[in-house]
Structures are given as structure tokens and as C-alpha cells.
C-alpha atoms as a PDB file:
ATOM      1  CA  UNK A   1     125.026  86.391 111.850  1.00  0.00           C
ATOM      2  CA  UNK A   2     127.865  84.185 110.649  1.00  0.00           C
ATOM      3  CA  UNK A   3     127.454  80.755 109.164  1.00  0.00           C
ATOM      4  CA  UNK A   4     128.887  78.088 106.941  1.00  0.00           C
ATOM      5  CA  UNK A   5     128.178  77.537 103.281  1.00  0.00           C
ATOM      6  CA  UNK A   6     126.056  74.384 103.325  1.00  0.00           C
ATOM      7  CA  UNK A   7     125.393  74.066  99.595  1.00  0.00           C
ATOM      8  CA  UNK A   8     125.609  75.831  96.292  1.00  0.00           C
ATOM      9  CA  UNK A   9     123.938  75.613  92.944  1.00  0.00           C
ATOM     10  CA  UNK A  10     123.483  77.265  89.570  1.00  0.00           C
ATOM     11  CA  UNK A  11     120.421  77.786  87.452  1.00  0.00           C
ATOM     12  CA  UNK A  12     120.457  79.183  83.930  1.00  0.00           C
ATOM     13  CA  UNK A  13     117.384  81.296  83.296  1.00  0.00           C
ATOM     14  CA  UNK A  14     117.053  82.135  79.622  1.00  0.00           C
ATOM     15  CA  UNK A  15     114.940  84.881  78.123  1.00  0.00           C
ATOM     16  CA  UNK A  16     114.798  86.995  81.252  1.00  0.00           C
ATOM     17  CA  UNK A  17     114.311  90.550  79.977  1.00  0.00           C
ATOM     18  CA  UNK A  18     114.114  92.554  83.215  1.00  0.00           C
ATOM     19  CA  UNK A  19     116.507  92.971  86.146  1.00  0.00           C
ATOM     20  CA  UNK A  20     113.628  92.798  88.677  1.00  0.00           C
ATOM     21  CA  UNK A  21     112.485  89.476  87.215  1.00  0.00           C
ATOM     22  CA  UNK A  22     116.055  88.204  87.382  1.00  0.00           C
ATOM     23  CA  UNK A  23     116.348  89.223  91.030  1.00  0.00           C
ATOM     24  CA  UNK A  24     112.955  87.698  91.901  1.00  0.00           C
ATOM     25  CA  UNK A  25     113.923  84.446  90.183  1.00  0.00           C
ATOM     26  CA  UNK A  26     117.241  84.363  92.017  1.00  0.00           C
ATOM     27  CA  UNK A  27     115.533  84.797  95.401  1.00  0.00           C
ATOM     28  CA  UNK A  28     112.775  82.300  94.608  1.00  0.00           C
ATOM     29  CA  UNK A  29     115.208  79.649  93.360  1.00  0.00           C
ATOM     30  CA  UNK A  30     117.502  80.116  96.331  1.00  0.00           C
ATOM     31  CA  UNK A  31     114.560  79.714  98.761  1.00  0.00           C
ATOM     32  CA  UNK A  32     113.448  76.590  96.894  1.00  0.00           C
ATOM     33  CA  UNK A  33     116.977  75.196  97.175  1.00  0.00           C
ATOM     34  CA  UNK A  34     117.132  75.965 100.916  1.00  0.00           C
ATOM     35  CA  UNK A  35     113.748  74.315 101.441  1.00  0.00           C
ATOM     36  CA  UNK A  36     114.795  71.201  99.498  1.00  0.00           C
ATOM     37  CA  UNK A  37     117.996  71.008 101.596  1.00  0.00           C
ATOM     38  CA  UNK A  38     115.866  71.051 104.770  1.00  0.00           C
ATOM     39  CA  UNK A  39     117.144  74.362 106.158  1.00  0.00           C
ATOM     40  CA  UNK A  40     114.973  76.086 108.784  1.00  0.00           C
ATOM     41  CA  UNK A  41     116.780  79.435 108.856  1.00  0.00           C
ATOM     42  CA  UNK A  42     117.743  81.254 105.681  1.00  0.00           C
ATOM     43  CA  UNK A  43     119.666  84.483 104.973  1.00  0.00           C
ATOM     44  CA  UNK A  44     119.231  86.128 101.598  1.00  0.00           C
ATOM     45  CA  UNK A  45     121.704  88.849 100.737  1.00  0.00           C
ATOM     46  CA  UNK A  46     121.790  91.308  97.827  1.00  0.00           C
ATOM     47  CA  UNK A  47     121.041  94.714  96.301  1.00  0.00           C
ATOM     48  CA  UNK A  48     117.311  94.270  95.893  1.00  0.00           C
ATOM     49  CA  UNK A  49     115.663  96.687  98.297  1.00  0.00           C
ATOM     50  CA  UNK A  50     112.586  97.312  96.120  1.00  0.00           C
ATOM     51  CA  UNK A  51     111.967  93.624  95.740  1.00  0.00           C
ATOM     52  CA  UNK A  52     112.212  92.912  99.486  1.00  0.00           C
ATOM     53  CA  UNK A  53     109.876  95.829 100.239  1.00  0.00           C
ATOM     54  CA  UNK A  54     107.315  94.256  97.889  1.00  0.00           C
ATOM     55  CA  UNK A  55     107.703  90.904  99.704  1.00  0.00           C
ATOM     56  CA  UNK A  56     107.250  92.584 103.103  1.00  0.00           C
ATOM     57  CA  UNK A  57     104.019  94.419 102.063  1.00  0.00           C
ATOM     58  CA  UNK A  58     100.768  92.948 103.325  1.00  0.00           C
ATOM     59  CA  UNK A  59      98.636  93.955 100.361  1.00  0.00           C
ATOM     60  CA  UNK A  60      98.822  92.153  97.041  1.00  0.00           C
ATOM     61  CA  UNK A  61     101.320  93.197  94.447  1.00  0.00           C
ATOM     62  CA  UNK A  62     100.133  94.204  90.958  1.00  0.00           C
ATOM     63  CA  UNK A  63     103.475  94.539  89.207  1.00  0.00           C
ATOM     64  CA  UNK A  64     104.855  92.297  86.476  1.00  0.00           C
ATOM     65  CA  UNK A  65     106.657  90.229  89.113  1.00  0.00           C
ATOM     66  CA  UNK A  66     103.565  89.649  91.310  1.00  0.00           C
ATOM     67  CA  UNK A  67     103.573  85.851  90.741  1.00  0.00           C
ATOM     68  CA  UNK A  68     107.193  85.656  91.874  1.00  0.00           C
ATOM     69  CA  UNK A  69     106.470  87.866  94.917  1.00  0.00           C
ATOM     70  CA  UNK A  70     103.585  85.613  95.914  1.00  0.00           C
ATOM     71  CA  UNK A  71     105.715  82.480  95.594  1.00  0.00           C
ATOM     72  CA  UNK A  72     108.564  84.096  97.574  1.00  0.00           C
ATOM     73  CA  UNK A  73     106.105  85.010 100.388  1.00  0.00           C
ATOM     74  CA  UNK A  74     104.775  81.463 100.564  1.00  0.00           C
ATOM     75  CA  UNK A  75     108.251  79.936 100.642  1.00  0.00           C
ATOM     76  CA  UNK A  76     109.578  82.422 103.222  1.00  0.00           C
ATOM     77  CA  UNK A  77     106.868  81.374 105.672  1.00  0.00           C
ATOM     78  CA  UNK A  78     108.031  77.745 105.488  1.00  0.00           C
ATOM     79  CA  UNK A  79     111.215  78.694 107.345  1.00  0.00           C
ATOM     80  CA  UNK A  80     111.378  79.275 111.090  1.00  0.00           C
ATOM     81  CA  UNK A  81     113.322  82.456 110.393  1.00  0.00           C
ATOM     82  CA  UNK A  82     114.026  84.301 107.152  1.00  0.00           C
ATOM     83  CA  UNK A  83     116.492  87.214 107.150  1.00  0.00           C
ATOM     84  CA  UNK A  84     117.234  89.560 104.273  1.00  0.00           C
ATOM     85  CA  UNK A  85     120.432  91.600 104.126  1.00  0.00           C
ATOM     86  CA  UNK A  86     120.107  94.520 101.748  1.00  0.00           C
ATOM     87  CA  UNK A  87     123.282  96.286 100.617  1.00  0.00           C
ATOM     88  CA  UNK A  88     122.921  99.981  99.940  1.00  0.00           C
ATOM     89  CA  UNK A  89     126.391 101.336  99.260  1.00  0.00           C
ATOM     90  CA  UNK A  90     128.467 100.160 102.202  1.00  0.00           C
ATOM     91  CA  UNK A  91     125.493  99.821 104.569  1.00  0.00           C
ATOM     92  CA  UNK A  92     123.704  96.493 105.160  1.00  0.00           C
ATOM     93  CA  UNK A  93     120.101  96.617 106.300  1.00  0.00           C
ATOM     94  CA  UNK A  94     118.675  93.578 108.071  1.00  0.00           C
ATOM     95  CA  UNK A  95     115.011  92.738 107.687  1.00  0.00           C
ATOM     96  CA  UNK A  96     113.699  89.995 109.899  1.00  0.00           C
ATOM     97  CA  UNK A  97     110.402  88.190 109.685  1.00  0.00           C
END
């Protein structure tokens, strides 16, 4: 899927002590931005396979990032289509909702 860059932004998150929290915040904030811009289809790309697998699980998450996971799930359902591209080495995996 190819597309145009329709917007960009930057958020400074201070006192983030864990890489998983940083990734969860990045996904959550990008979904919030896309929602505020009125987008109906969103593609999220990155090296965060564990995080996306937690988002895709049906049962509740009990990790330290569970609040972020819950918020990401709620926001993802507000789009008509949400796609995640996960980079593992040179391979990109596509997860579609």
C-alpha cells in the first residue's frame, strides 16, 4: 500500500524508562493524531512485534503497558481499516484488522 504523507508531528515524552512504554506511547499518539486529522485508514510501521501481538490478543493484558494497549485497541477500532507493518530484519509483516 502506497500513500502520501498527510501530516507530521512531534511529541516529547519525558521520564519514559522502558522501550516498550516508548513504543506504546508512539503508537497511541500517532493513532490520536490520525483520528484528530479525520483519517479513516491508518498504517502504523515499526519494529514492535511484541506490542502489536498484545494489541491483537482478545484477552486482557496484565503487563506494565496494559493501559496503553487498551487505549490503542479502542482507537484502532475507530478507523475503518488499521494496518500494522512490522519490520523483522528485511521482512515486513502486514497485520490487518
